[in-house]
Amino acid sequence: MNSKEFVGELSRRLGYTNKDATQLVASVVAILSSELQERKAASFPGFGTFEVKKKMERIAVNPVTGQRMLVPPKLSLGFRPSQTLKDKLKKESIR
């Protein structure tokens, strides 16, 4: 599902216009982005939790040359699905 399909489905389910649904999605994304930029976790009951994880610096080795290099620390986005979502997906895979 792409963004256009998502907005269409959201507007259909809520009875909004596509323009209103687009603004709603943009607002949710903006709020989620600002929370994650502040390194706060965003939790959606029944769906899961988005969180920012810090990966520590490490030493990597080029397998061809054997040269060692330092990989700097970085932030990455992680998602942990809720148990409810895991159970729903597990039931669907059995069918």
PDB file of N, CA and C in Angstrom:
ATOM      1  N   MET A   1       0.847  -1.171   0.000  1.00  0.00           N
ATOM      2  CA  MET A   1       0.000   0.000   0.000  1.00  0.00           C
ATOM      3  C   MET A   1       0.892   1.233   0.000  1.00  0.00           C
ATOM      4  N   ASN A   2       0.645   2.130  -0.935  1.00  0.00           N
ATOM      5  CA  ASN A   2       1.414   3.367  -0.966  1.00  0.00           C
ATOM      6  C   ASN A   2       0.632   4.481  -0.277  1.00  0.00           C
ATOM      7  N   SER A   3       1.197   5.669  -0.253  1.00  0.00           N
ATOM      8  CA  SER A   3       0.603   6.786   0.470  1.00  0.00           C
ATOM      9  C   SER A   3      -0.769   7.154  -0.086  1.00  0.00           C
ATOM     10  N   LYS A   4      -0.887   7.184  -1.397  1.00  0.00           N
ATOM     11  CA  LYS A   4      -2.155   7.556  -2.026  1.00  0.00           C
ATOM     12  C   LYS A   4      -3.249   6.550  -1.681  1.00  0.00           C
ATOM     13  N   GLU A   5      -2.914   5.263  -1.712  1.00  0.00           N
ATOM     14  CA  GLU A   5      -3.879   4.225  -1.360  1.00  0.00           C
ATOM     15  C   GLU A   5      -4.265   4.320   0.116  1.00  0.00           C
ATOM     16  N   PHE A   6      -3.291   4.609   0.966  1.00  0.00           N
ATOM     17  CA  PHE A   6      -3.558   4.738   2.401  1.00  0.00           C
ATOM     18  C   PHE A   6      -4.508   5.898   2.681  1.00  0.00           C
ATOM     19  N   VAL A   7      -4.244   7.043   2.056  1.00  0.00           N
ATOM     20  CA  VAL A   7      -5.101   8.214   2.248  1.00  0.00           C
ATOM     21  C   VAL A   7      -6.507   7.920   1.732  1.00  0.00           C
ATOM     22  N   GLY A   8      -6.610   7.236   0.606  1.00  0.00           N
ATOM     23  CA  GLY A   8      -7.913   6.883   0.063  1.00  0.00           C
ATOM     24  C   GLY A   8      -8.703   5.975   0.998  1.00  0.00           C
ATOM     25  N   GLU A   9      -8.036   4.969   1.551  1.00  0.00           N
ATOM     26  CA  GLU A   9      -8.699   4.050   2.480  1.00  0.00           C
ATOM     27  C   GLU A   9      -9.094   4.765   3.776  1.00  0.00           C
ATOM     28  N   LEU A  10      -8.219   5.627   4.272  1.00  0.00           N
ATOM     29  CA  LEU A  10      -8.507   6.385   5.487  1.00  0.00           C
ATOM     30  C   LEU A  10      -9.707   7.305   5.276  1.00  0.00           C
ATOM     31  N   SER A  11      -9.752   7.997   4.155  1.00  0.00           N
ATOM     32  CA  SER A  11     -10.873   8.900   3.885  1.00  0.00           C
ATOM     33  C   SER A  11     -12.177   8.119   3.722  1.00  0.00           C
ATOM     34  N   ARG A  12     -12.105   6.937   3.123  1.00  0.00           N
ATOM     35  CA  ARG A  12     -13.296   6.119   2.949  1.00  0.00           C
ATOM     36  C   ARG A  12     -13.832   5.640   4.301  1.00  0.00           C
ATOM     37  N   ARG A  13     -12.921   5.156   5.171  1.00  0.00           N
ATOM     38  CA  ARG A  13     -13.346   4.619   6.470  1.00  0.00           C
ATOM     39  C   ARG A  13     -13.866   5.689   7.419  1.00  0.00           C
ATOM     40  N   LEU A  14     -13.270   6.886   7.368  1.00  0.00           N
ATOM     41  CA  LEU A  14     -13.659   7.942   8.301  1.00  0.00           C
ATOM     42  C   LEU A  14     -14.704   8.893   7.727  1.00  0.00           C
ATOM     43  N   GLY A  15     -14.954   8.792   6.430  1.00  0.00           N
ATOM     44  CA  GLY A  15     -15.915   9.692   5.811  1.00  0.00           C
ATOM     45  C   GLY A  15     -15.365  11.084   5.580  1.00  0.00           C
ATOM     46  N   TYR A  16     -14.048  11.223   5.492  1.00  0.00           N
ATOM     47  CA  TYR A  16     -13.401  12.506   5.232  1.00  0.00           C
ATOM     48  C   TYR A  16     -13.165  12.661   3.739  1.00  0.00           C
ATOM     49  N   THR A  17     -12.853  13.882   3.331  1.00  0.00           N
ATOM     50  CA  THR A  17     -12.408  14.089   1.957  1.00  0.00           C
ATOM     51  C   THR A  17     -10.951  13.660   1.868  1.00  0.00           C
ATOM     52  N   ASN A  18     -10.471  13.437   0.652  1.00  0.00           N
ATOM     53  CA  ASN A  18      -9.062  13.055   0.482  1.00  0.00           C
ATOM     54  C   ASN A  18      -8.136  14.149   0.990  1.00  0.00           C
ATOM     55  N   LYS A  19      -8.538  15.425   0.816  1.00  0.00           N
ATOM     56  CA  LYS A  19      -7.715  16.534   1.285  1.00  0.00           C
ATOM     57  C   LYS A  19      -7.593  16.509   2.808  1.00  0.00           C
ATOM     58  N   ASP A  20      -8.716  16.286   3.500  1.00  0.00           N
ATOM     59  CA  ASP A  20      -8.689  16.228   4.967  1.00  0.00           C
ATOM     60  C   ASP A  20      -7.879  15.030   5.461  1.00  0.00           C
ATOM     61  N   ALA A  21      -8.038  13.899   4.796  1.00  0.00           N
ATOM     62  CA  ALA A  21      -7.281  12.698   5.186  1.00  0.00           C
ATOM     63  C   ALA A  21      -5.788  12.905   4.948  1.00  0.00           C
ATOM     64  N   THR A  22      -5.434  13.596   3.873  1.00  0.00           N
ATOM     65  CA  THR A  22      -4.018  13.890   3.589  1.00  0.00           C
ATOM     66  C   THR A  22      -3.438  14.771   4.685  1.00  0.00           C
ATOM     67  N   GLN A  23      -4.199  15.780   5.118  1.00  0.00           N
ATOM     68  CA  GLN A  23      -3.744  16.658   6.201  1.00  0.00           C
ATOM     69  C   GLN A  23      -3.614  15.891   7.513  1.00  0.00           C
ATOM     70  N   LEU A  24      -4.532  14.971   7.746  1.00  0.00           N
ATOM     71  CA  LEU A  24      -4.479  14.151   8.957  1.00  0.00           C
ATOM     72  C   LEU A  24      -3.220  13.287   8.975  1.00  0.00           C
ATOM     73  N   VAL A  25      -2.931  12.635   7.860  1.00  0.00           N
ATOM     74  CA  VAL A  25      -1.732  11.801   7.767  1.00  0.00           C
ATOM     75  C   VAL A  25      -0.477  12.651   7.924  1.00  0.00           C
ATOM     76  N   ALA A  26      -0.453  13.825   7.286  1.00  0.00           N
ATOM     77  CA  ALA A  26       0.709  14.710   7.398  1.00  0.00           C
ATOM     78  C   ALA A  26       0.919  15.155   8.837  1.00  0.00           C
ATOM     79  N   SER A  27      -0.164  15.421   9.554  1.00  0.00           N
ATOM     80  CA  SER A  27      -0.060  15.829  10.956  1.00  0.00           C
ATOM     81  C   SER A  27       0.481  14.698  11.823  1.00  0.00           C
ATOM     82  N   VAL A  28      -0.011  13.491  11.596  1.00  0.00           N
ATOM     83  CA  VAL A  28       0.462  12.335  12.368  1.00  0.00           C
ATOM     84  C   VAL A  28       1.956  12.116  12.124  1.00  0.00           C
ATOM     85  N   VAL A  29       2.365  12.194  10.868  1.00  0.00           N
ATOM     86  CA  VAL A  29       3.783  11.999  10.532  1.00  0.00           C
ATOM     87  C   VAL A  29       4.635  13.097  11.164  1.00  0.00           C
ATOM     88  N   ALA A  30       4.163  14.335  11.150  1.00  0.00           N
ATOM     89  CA  ALA A  30       4.913  15.440  11.738  1.00  0.00           C
ATOM     90  C   ALA A  30       5.066  15.260  13.248  1.00  0.00           C
ATOM     91  N   ILE A  31       3.991  14.871  13.913  1.00  0.00           N
ATOM     92  CA  ILE A  31       4.052  14.655  15.365  1.00  0.00           C
ATOM     93  C   ILE A  31       4.981  13.497  15.695  1.00  0.00           C
ATOM     94  N   LEU A  32       4.864  12.405  14.951  1.00  0.00           N
ATOM     95  CA  LEU A  32       5.717  11.247  15.168  1.00  0.00           C
ATOM     96  C   LEU A  32       7.180  11.600  14.939  1.00  0.00           C
ATOM     97  N   SER A  33       7.455  12.360  13.881  1.00  0.00           N
ATOM     98  CA  SER A  33       8.831  12.767  13.579  1.00  0.00           C
ATOM     99  C   SER A  33       9.416  13.636  14.681  1.00  0.00           C
ATOM    100  N   SER A  34       8.629  14.583  15.182  1.00  0.00           N
ATOM    101  CA  SER A  34       9.153  15.469  16.223  1.00  0.00           C
ATOM    102  C   SER A  34       9.430  14.702  17.518  1.00  0.00           C
ATOM    103  N   GLU A  35       8.569  13.754  17.854  1.00  0.00           N
ATOM    104  CA  GLU A  35       8.800  12.937  19.049  1.00  0.00           C
ATOM    105  C   GLU A  35      10.068  12.098  18.900  1.00  0.00           C
ATOM    106  N   LEU A  36      10.258  11.510  17.731  1.00  0.00           N
ATOM    107  CA  LEU A  36      11.435  10.670  17.515  1.00  0.00           C
ATOM    108  C   LEU A  36      12.714  11.506  17.464  1.00  0.00           C
ATOM    109  N   GLN A  37      12.621  12.739  16.957  1.00  0.00           N
ATOM    110  CA  GLN A  37      13.796  13.612  16.939  1.00  0.00           C
ATOM    111  C   GLN A  37      14.230  13.972  18.355  1.00  0.00           C
ATOM    112  N   GLU A  38      13.291  13.998  19.276  1.00  0.00           N
ATOM    113  CA  GLU A  38      13.613  14.256  20.684  1.00  0.00           C
ATOM    114  C   GLU A  38      14.006  12.969  21.410  1.00  0.00           C
ATOM    115  N   ARG A  39      14.153  11.902  20.641  1.00  0.00           N
ATOM    116  CA  ARG A  39      14.537  10.576  21.137  1.00  0.00           C
ATOM    117  C   ARG A  39      13.534   9.995  22.120  1.00  0.00           C
ATOM    118  N   LYS A  40      12.271  10.312  21.916  1.00  0.00           N
ATOM    119  CA  LYS A  40      11.195   9.725  22.712  1.00  0.00           C
ATOM    120  C   LYS A  40      10.578   8.591  21.903  1.00  0.00           C
ATOM    121  N   ALA A  41      10.113   7.575  22.584  1.00  0.00           N
ATOM    122  CA  ALA A  41       9.450   6.462  21.909  1.00  0.00           C
ATOM    123  C   ALA A  41       7.992   6.846  21.642  1.00  0.00           C
ATOM    124  N   ALA A  42       7.454   6.341  20.547  1.00  0.00           N
ATOM    125  CA  ALA A  42       6.050   6.566  20.208  1.00  0.00           C
ATOM    126  C   ALA A  42       5.366   5.214  20.176  1.00  0.00           C
ATOM    127  N   SER A  43       4.383   5.029  21.041  1.00  0.00           N
ATOM    128  CA  SER A  43       3.719   3.742  21.182  1.00  0.00           C
ATOM    129  C   SER A  43       2.278   3.830  20.705  1.00  0.00           C
ATOM    130  N   PHE A  44       1.858   2.829  19.926  1.00  0.00           N
ATOM    131  CA  PHE A  44       0.500   2.733  19.431  1.00  0.00           C
ATOM    132  C   PHE A  44      -0.066   1.399  19.923  1.00  0.00           C
ATOM    133  N   PRO A  45      -0.955   1.430  20.914  1.00  0.00           N
ATOM    134  CA  PRO A  45      -1.499   0.188  21.461  1.00  0.00           C
ATOM    135  C   PRO A  45      -2.152  -0.666  20.365  1.00  0.00           C
ATOM    136  N   GLY A  46      -1.833  -1.937  20.367  1.00  0.00           N
ATOM    137  CA  GLY A  46      -2.371  -2.847  19.371  1.00  0.00           C
ATOM    138  C   GLY A  46      -1.567  -2.869  18.087  1.00  0.00           C
ATOM    139  N   PHE A  47      -0.607  -1.957  17.945  1.00  0.00           N
ATOM    140  CA  PHE A  47       0.213  -1.907  16.731  1.00  0.00           C
ATOM    141  C   PHE A  47       1.680  -2.112  17.051  1.00  0.00           C
ATOM    142  N   GLY A  48       2.266  -1.212  17.851  1.00  0.00           N
ATOM    143  CA  GLY A  48       3.670  -1.370  18.206  1.00  0.00           C
ATOM    144  C   GLY A  48       4.295  -0.080  18.686  1.00  0.00           C
ATOM    145  N   THR A  49       5.620  -0.101  18.815  1.00  0.00           N
ATOM    146  CA  THR A  49       6.374   1.031  19.334  1.00  0.00           C
ATOM    147  C   THR A  49       7.517   1.381  18.397  1.00  0.00           C
ATOM    148  N   PHE A  50       7.599   2.674  18.058  1.00  0.00           N
ATOM    149  CA  PHE A  50       8.731   3.197  17.302  1.00  0.00           C
ATOM    150  C   PHE A  50       9.685   3.813  18.305  1.00  0.00           C
ATOM    151  N   GLU A  51      10.985   3.557  18.133  1.00  0.00           N
ATOM    152  CA  GLU A  51      11.956   4.139  19.050  1.00  0.00           C
ATOM    153  C   GLU A  51      13.271   4.384  18.330  1.00  0.00           C
ATOM    154  N   VAL A  52      14.017   5.371  18.834  1.00  0.00           N
ATOM    155  CA  VAL A  52      15.321   5.698  18.281  1.00  0.00           C
ATOM    156  C   VAL A  52      16.365   4.921  19.075  1.00  0.00           C
ATOM    157  N   LYS A  53      17.217   4.218  18.345  1.00  0.00           N
ATOM    158  CA  LYS A  53      18.276   3.450  18.998  1.00  0.00           C
ATOM    159  C   LYS A  53      19.626   4.035  18.591  1.00  0.00           C
ATOM    160  N   LYS A  54      20.540   4.062  19.532  1.00  0.00           N
ATOM    161  CA  LYS A  54      21.879   4.550  19.243  1.00  0.00           C
ATOM    162  C   LYS A  54      22.797   3.358  19.047  1.00  0.00           C
ATOM    163  N   LYS A  55      23.414   3.318  17.877  1.00  0.00           N
ATOM    164  CA  LYS A  55      24.394   2.265  17.606  1.00  0.00           C
ATOM    165  C   LYS A  55      25.771   2.832  17.938  1.00  0.00           C
ATOM    166  N   MET A  56      26.518   2.084  18.714  1.00  0.00           N
ATOM    167  CA  MET A  56      27.828   2.538  19.162  1.00  0.00           C
ATOM    168  C   MET A  56      28.838   2.457  18.023  1.00  0.00           C
ATOM    169  N   GLU A  57      29.930   3.187  18.183  1.00  0.00           N
ATOM    170  CA  GLU A  57      30.964   3.102  17.165  1.00  0.00           C
ATOM    171  C   GLU A  57      31.615   1.721  17.220  1.00  0.00           C
ATOM    172  N   ARG A  58      32.130   1.304  16.071  1.00  0.00           N
ATOM    173  CA  ARG A  58      32.717  -0.032  16.000  1.00  0.00           C
ATOM    174  C   ARG A  58      33.839  -0.042  14.980  1.00  0.00           C
ATOM    175  N   ILE A  59      34.607  -1.103  15.016  1.00  0.00           N
ATOM    176  CA  ILE A  59      35.686  -1.275  14.047  1.00  0.00           C
ATOM    177  C   ILE A  59      35.231  -2.290  13.015  1.00  0.00           C
ATOM    178  N   ALA A  60      35.319  -1.904  11.747  1.00  0.00           N
ATOM    179  CA  ALA A  60      34.958  -2.796  10.647  1.00  0.00           C
ATOM    180  C   ALA A  60      36.218  -3.129   9.864  1.00  0.00           C
ATOM    181  N   VAL A  61      36.237  -4.301   9.260  1.00  0.00           N
ATOM    182  CA  VAL A  61      37.396  -4.739   8.495  1.00  0.00           C
ATOM    183  C   VAL A  61      36.965  -4.975   7.057  1.00  0.00           C
ATOM    184  N   ASN A  62      37.699  -4.368   6.115  1.00  0.00           N
ATOM    185  CA  ASN A  62      37.453  -4.610   4.705  1.00  0.00           C
ATOM    186  C   ASN A  62      37.943  -6.023   4.392  1.00  0.00           C
ATOM    187  N   PRO A  63      37.070  -6.921   3.932  1.00  0.00           N
ATOM    188  CA  PRO A  63      37.475  -8.309   3.735  1.00  0.00           C
ATOM    189  C   PRO A  63      38.497  -8.502   2.611  1.00  0.00           C
ATOM    190  N   VAL A  64      38.550  -7.596   1.655  1.00  0.00           N
ATOM    191  CA  VAL A  64      39.489  -7.733   0.531  1.00  0.00           C
ATOM    192  C   VAL A  64      40.883  -7.274   0.934  1.00  0.00           C
ATOM    193  N   THR A  65      40.969  -6.085   1.525  1.00  0.00           N
ATOM    194  CA  THR A  65      42.278  -5.522   1.846  1.00  0.00           C
ATOM    195  C   THR A  65      42.722  -5.810   3.273  1.00  0.00           C
ATOM    196  N   GLY A  66      41.786  -6.148   4.130  1.00  0.00           N
ATOM    197  CA  GLY A  66      42.124  -6.377   5.528  1.00  0.00           C
ATOM    198  C   GLY A  66      42.276  -5.084   6.308  1.00  0.00           C
ATOM    199  N   GLN A  67      42.002  -3.957   5.665  1.00  0.00           N
ATOM    200  CA  GLN A  67      42.144  -2.652   6.305  1.00  0.00           C
ATOM    201  C   GLN A  67      41.042  -2.465   7.341  1.00  0.00           C
ATOM    202  N   ARG A  68      41.429  -1.993   8.506  1.00  0.00           N
ATOM    203  CA  ARG A  68      40.479  -1.737   9.587  1.00  0.00           C
ATOM    204  C   ARG A  68      40.085  -0.277   9.548  1.00  0.00           C
ATOM    205  N   MET A  69      38.791  -0.020   9.808  1.00  0.00           N
ATOM    206  CA  MET A  69      38.339   1.365   9.834  1.00  0.00           C
ATOM    207  C   MET A  69      37.319   1.533  10.951  1.00  0.00           C
ATOM    208  N   LEU A  70      37.250   2.747  11.454  1.00  0.00           N
ATOM    209  CA  LEU A  70      36.346   3.062  12.540  1.00  0.00           C
ATOM    210  C   LEU A  70      35.019   3.551  11.949  1.00  0.00           C
ATOM    211  N   VAL A  71      33.930   2.884  12.316  1.00  0.00           N
ATOM    212  CA  VAL A  71      32.592   3.290  11.879  1.00  0.00           C
ATOM    213  C   VAL A  71      32.014   4.136  13.012  1.00  0.00           C
ATOM    214  N   PRO A  72      31.657   5.396  12.719  1.00  0.00           N
ATOM    215  CA  PRO A  72      31.173   6.287  13.780  1.00  0.00           C
ATOM    216  C   PRO A  72      29.811   5.862  14.324  1.00  0.00           C
ATOM    217  N   PRO A  73      29.456   6.338  15.526  1.00  0.00           N
ATOM    218  CA  PRO A  73      28.139   6.002  16.078  1.00  0.00           C
ATOM    219  C   PRO A  73      27.034   6.654  15.248  1.00  0.00           C
ATOM    220  N   LYS A  74      25.861   6.052  15.281  1.00  0.00           N
ATOM    221  CA  LYS A  74      24.748   6.636  14.543  1.00  0.00           C
ATOM    222  C   LYS A  74      23.437   6.284  15.223  1.00  0.00           C
ATOM    223  N   LEU A  75      22.402   7.023  14.859  1.00  0.00           N
ATOM    224  CA  LEU A  75      21.066   6.773  15.373  1.00  0.00           C
ATOM    225  C   LEU A  75      20.276   6.030  14.306  1.00  0.00           C
ATOM    226  N   SER A  76      19.468   5.084  14.737  1.00  0.00           N
ATOM    227  CA  SER A  76      18.634   4.351  13.788  1.00  0.00           C
ATOM    228  C   SER A  76      17.232   4.211  14.375  1.00  0.00           C
ATOM    229  N   LEU A  77      16.271   4.038  13.502  1.00  0.00           N
ATOM    230  CA  LEU A  77      14.889   3.907  13.915  1.00  0.00           C
ATOM    231  C   LEU A  77      14.551   2.436  14.055  1.00  0.00           C
ATOM    232  N   GLY A  78      13.936   2.090  15.169  1.00  0.00           N
ATOM    233  CA  GLY A  78      13.534   0.714  15.405  1.00  0.00           C
ATOM    234  C   GLY A  78      12.033   0.628  15.600  1.00  0.00           C
ATOM    235  N   PHE A  79      11.465  -0.512  15.244  1.00  0.00           N
ATOM    236  CA  PHE A  79      10.042  -0.760  15.450  1.00  0.00           C
ATOM    237  C   PHE A  79       9.893  -2.103  16.127  1.00  0.00           C
ATOM    238  N   ARG A  80       9.103  -2.114  17.190  1.00  0.00           N
ATOM    239  CA  ARG A  80       8.823  -3.346  17.911  1.00  0.00           C
ATOM    240  C   ARG A  80       7.304  -3.563  17.864  1.00  0.00           C
ATOM    241  N   PRO A  81       6.845  -4.589  17.136  1.00  0.00           N
ATOM    242  CA  PRO A  81       5.400  -4.815  17.036  1.00  0.00           C
ATOM    243  C   PRO A  81       4.825  -5.270  18.369  1.00  0.00           C
ATOM    244  N   SER A  82       3.544  -4.942  18.582  1.00  0.00           N
ATOM    245  CA  SER A  82       2.875  -5.361  19.815  1.00  0.00           C
ATOM    246  C   SER A  82       2.528  -6.844  19.718  1.00  0.00           C
ATOM    247  N   GLN A  83       2.267  -7.445  20.851  1.00  0.00           N
ATOM    248  CA  GLN A  83       1.902  -8.861  20.875  1.00  0.00           C
ATOM    249  C   GLN A  83       0.591  -9.086  20.128  1.00  0.00           C
ATOM    250  N   THR A  84      -0.329  -8.135  20.194  1.00  0.00           N
ATOM    251  CA  THR A  84      -1.606  -8.238  19.481  1.00  0.00           C
ATOM    252  C   THR A  84      -1.371  -8.338  17.977  1.00  0.00           C
ATOM    253  N   LEU A  85      -0.505  -7.477  17.451  1.00  0.00           N
ATOM    254  CA  LEU A  85      -0.198  -7.500  16.022  1.00  0.00           C
ATOM    255  C   LEU A  85       0.504  -8.797  15.637  1.00  0.00           C
ATOM    256  N   LYS A  86       1.425  -9.248  16.472  1.00  0.00           N
ATOM    257  CA  LYS A  86       2.115 -10.513  16.201  1.00  0.00           C
ATOM    258  C   LYS A  86       1.127 -11.668  16.129  1.00  0.00           C
ATOM    259  N   ASP A  87       0.178 -11.692  17.069  1.00  0.00           N
ATOM    260  CA  ASP A  87      -0.825 -12.760  17.084  1.00  0.00           C
ATOM    261  C   ASP A  87      -1.701 -12.724  15.840  1.00  0.00           C
ATOM    262  N   LYS A  88      -2.114 -11.520  15.407  1.00  0.00           N
ATOM    263  CA  LYS A  88      -2.934 -11.400  14.203  1.00  0.00           C
ATOM    264  C   LYS A  88      -2.182 -11.907  12.973  1.00  0.00           C
ATOM    265  N   LEU A  89      -0.912 -11.558  12.863  1.00  0.00           N
ATOM    266  CA  LEU A  89      -0.115 -11.993  11.721  1.00  0.00           C
ATOM    267  C   LEU A  89       0.113 -13.505  11.754  1.00  0.00           C
ATOM    268  N   LYS A  90       0.290 -14.037  12.952  1.00  0.00           N
ATOM    269  CA  LYS A  90       0.497 -15.474  13.087  1.00  0.00           C
ATOM    270  C   LYS A  90      -0.762 -16.235  12.649  1.00  0.00           C
ATOM    271  N   LYS A  91      -1.940 -15.746  13.033  1.00  0.00           N
ATOM    272  CA  LYS A  91      -3.199 -16.384  12.635  1.00  0.00           C
ATOM    273  C   LYS A  91      -3.378 -16.342  11.126  1.00  0.00           C
ATOM    274  N   GLU A  92      -2.996 -15.225  10.501  1.00  0.00           N
ATOM    275  CA  GLU A  92      -3.137 -15.090   9.055  1.00  0.00           C
ATOM    276  C   GLU A  92      -2.177 -16.021   8.313  1.00  0.00           C
ATOM    277  N   SER A  93      -0.993 -16.272   8.869  1.00  0.00           N
ATOM    278  CA  SER A  93      -0.028 -17.125   8.182  1.00  0.00           C
ATOM    279  C   SER A  93      -0.431 -18.595   8.248  1.00  0.00           C
ATOM    280  N   ILE A  94      -1.273 -18.960   9.214  1.00  0.00           N
ATOM    281  CA  ILE A  94      -1.708 -20.349   9.358  1.00  0.00           C
ATOM    282  C   ILE A  94      -2.734 -20.707   8.286  1.00  0.00           C
ATOM    283  N   ARG A  95      -3.543 -19.755   7.901  1.00  0.00           N
ATOM    284  CA  ARG A  95      -4.606 -20.007   6.912  1.00  0.00           C
ATOM    285  C   ARG A  95      -4.077 -20.381   5.569  1.00  0.00           C
TER     286      ARG A  95
END
